[in-house]
C-alpha atoms as a PDB file:
ATOM      1  CA  MET A   1     119.039  71.749 109.121  1.00  0.00           C
ATOM      2  CA  GLU A   2     121.493  74.294 110.453  1.00  0.00           C
ATOM      3  CA  ALA A   3     124.440  75.377 108.269  1.00  0.00           C
ATOM      4  CA  ALA A   4     127.697  73.933 109.593  1.00  0.00           C
ATOM      5  CA  PRO A   5     130.162  76.442 110.968  1.00  0.00           C
ATOM      6  CA  LYS A   6     133.205  77.295 108.771  1.00  0.00           C
ATOM      7  CA  VAL A   7     136.335  75.390 109.318  1.00  0.00           C
ATOM      8  CA  ALA A   8     139.404  77.511 110.424  1.00  0.00           C
ATOM      9  CA  ALA A   9     141.829  77.971 107.534  1.00  0.00           C
ATOM     10  CA  ASP A  10     144.747  76.418 109.251  1.00  0.00           C
ATOM     11  CA  VAL A  11     142.618  73.287 110.314  1.00  0.00           C
ATOM     12  CA  SER A  12     141.195  73.082 106.787  1.00  0.00           C
ATOM     13  CA  ILE A  13     144.733  73.081 105.240  1.00  0.00           C
ATOM     14  CA  LYS A  14     145.829  70.386 107.605  1.00  0.00           C
ATOM     15  CA  LEU A  15     142.777  68.268 107.012  1.00  0.00           C
ATOM     16  CA  ARG A  16     143.033  68.605 103.250  1.00  0.00           C
ATOM     17  CA  ALA A  17     146.632  67.474 103.439  1.00  0.00           C
ATOM     18  CA  LEU A  18     145.731  64.525 105.547  1.00  0.00           C
ATOM     19  CA  ALA A  19     142.891  63.575 103.171  1.00  0.00           C
ATOM     20  CA  HIS A  20     145.265  63.821 100.236  1.00  0.00           C
ATOM     21  CA  GLU A  21     147.799  61.542 102.018  1.00  0.00           C
ATOM     22  CA  LEU A  22     144.958  59.125 102.829  1.00  0.00           C
ATOM     23  CA  SER A  23     143.847  59.118  99.132  1.00  0.00           C
ATOM     24  CA  ASN A  24     147.428  58.043  98.189  1.00  0.00           C
ATOM     25  CA  SER A  25     147.432  55.170 100.750  1.00  0.00           C
ATOM     26  CA  LEU A  26     144.038  54.111  99.673  1.00  0.00           C
ATOM     27  CA  GLU A  27     144.984  54.042  95.973  1.00  0.00           C
ATOM     28  CA  ALA A  28     147.805  51.656  96.750  1.00  0.00           C
ATOM     29  CA  VAL A  29     145.445  49.340  98.703  1.00  0.00           C
ATOM     30  CA  MET A  30     142.848  49.520  95.905  1.00  0.00           C
ATOM     31  CA  GLN A  31     145.524  48.642  93.284  1.00  0.00           C
ATOM     32  CA  ALA A  32     146.859  45.755  95.294  1.00  0.00           C
ATOM     33  CA  SER A  33     143.230  44.584  95.895  1.00  0.00           C
ATOM     34  CA  TYR A  34     142.602  44.668  92.185  1.00  0.00           C
ATOM     35  CA  LEU A  35     145.758  42.687  91.346  1.00  0.00           C
ATOM     36  CA  LEU A  36     144.938  40.040  94.058  1.00  0.00           C
ATOM     37  CA  GLY A  37     141.515  39.766  92.465  1.00  0.00           C
ATOM     38  CA  GLN A  38     143.109  38.815  89.119  1.00  0.00           C
ATOM     39  CA  THR A  39     144.811  35.790  90.699  1.00  0.00           C
ATOM     40  CA  ASN A  40     143.466  32.273  90.919  1.00  0.00           C
ATOM     41  CA  VAL A  41     142.842  31.533  94.550  1.00  0.00           C
ATOM     42  CA  ASP A  42     140.560  29.359  96.656  1.00  0.00           C
ATOM     43  CA  GLU A  43     137.135  30.532  97.655  1.00  0.00           C
ATOM     44  CA  PRO A  44     137.929  31.507 101.271  1.00  0.00           C
ATOM     45  CA  SER A  45     140.840  33.651  99.920  1.00  0.00           C
ATOM     46  CA  HIS A  46     138.595  35.172  97.164  1.00  0.00           C
ATOM     47  CA  GLN A  47     136.091  36.137  99.831  1.00  0.00           C
ATOM     48  CA  TRP A  48     138.865  38.013 101.834  1.00  0.00           C
ATOM     49  CA  ILE A  49     139.984  39.775  98.602  1.00  0.00           C
ATOM     50  CA  GLN A  50     136.332  40.919  98.085  1.00  0.00           C
ATOM     51  CA  LEU A  51     136.107  42.168 101.600  1.00  0.00           C
ATOM     52  CA  LEU A  52     139.349  44.129 101.093  1.00  0.00           C
ATOM     53  CA  ASP A  53     138.095  45.613  97.874  1.00  0.00           C
ATOM     54  CA  GLN A  54     134.703  46.608  99.366  1.00  0.00           C
ATOM     55  CA  ALA A  55     136.345  48.092 102.549  1.00  0.00           C
ATOM     56  CA  SER A  56     138.832  50.112 100.516  1.00  0.00           C
ATOM     57  CA  ARG A  57     136.129  51.399  98.173  1.00  0.00           C
ATOM     58  CA  GLU A  58     134.082  52.482 101.198  1.00  0.00           C
ATOM     59  CA  ALA A  59     137.125  54.171 102.767  1.00  0.00           C
ATOM     60  CA  ALA A  60     137.685  56.055  99.535  1.00  0.00           C
ATOM     61  CA  ARG A  61     134.049  57.174  99.385  1.00  0.00           C
ATOM     62  CA  ILE A  62     134.283  58.484 103.006  1.00  0.00           C
ATOM     63  CA  ASN A  63     137.479  60.303 102.210  1.00  0.00           C
ATOM     64  CA  ARG A  64     135.794  61.945  99.177  1.00  0.00           C
ATOM     65  CA  GLU A  65     132.928  62.969 101.420  1.00  0.00           C
ATOM     66  CA  ILE A  66     135.297  64.456 103.943  1.00  0.00           C
ATOM     67  CA  ARG A  67     136.981  66.442 101.183  1.00  0.00           C
ATOM     68  CA  GLU A  68     133.594  67.748  99.934  1.00  0.00           C
ATOM     69  CA  VAL A  69     132.617  68.870 103.453  1.00  0.00           C
ATOM     70  CA  LEU A  70     135.978  70.714 103.742  1.00  0.00           C
ATOM     71  CA  ARG A  71     135.494  72.382 100.350  1.00  0.00           C
ATOM     72  CA  SER A  72     131.986  73.571 101.336  1.00  0.00           C
ATOM     73  CA  ASN A  73     132.924  74.705 104.785  1.00  0.00           C
ATOM     74  CA  SER A  74     136.189  76.477 104.159  1.00  0.00           C
END
């Protein structure tokens, strides 16, 4: 596998800032999801809460991966 080209410094700085902002937004979604999960709701609502939780965790994982790529290619 070929090594990825280095990311330009100005692009890396902007992408890191965006990833940081995304992390902050995802944290709020994940906290809200957790709190919703602590409530007593009917089964269909519970399934939506689980979907929200899984999607927010996946988005956070993707964001961490983007940040790792930026670290290794900057």
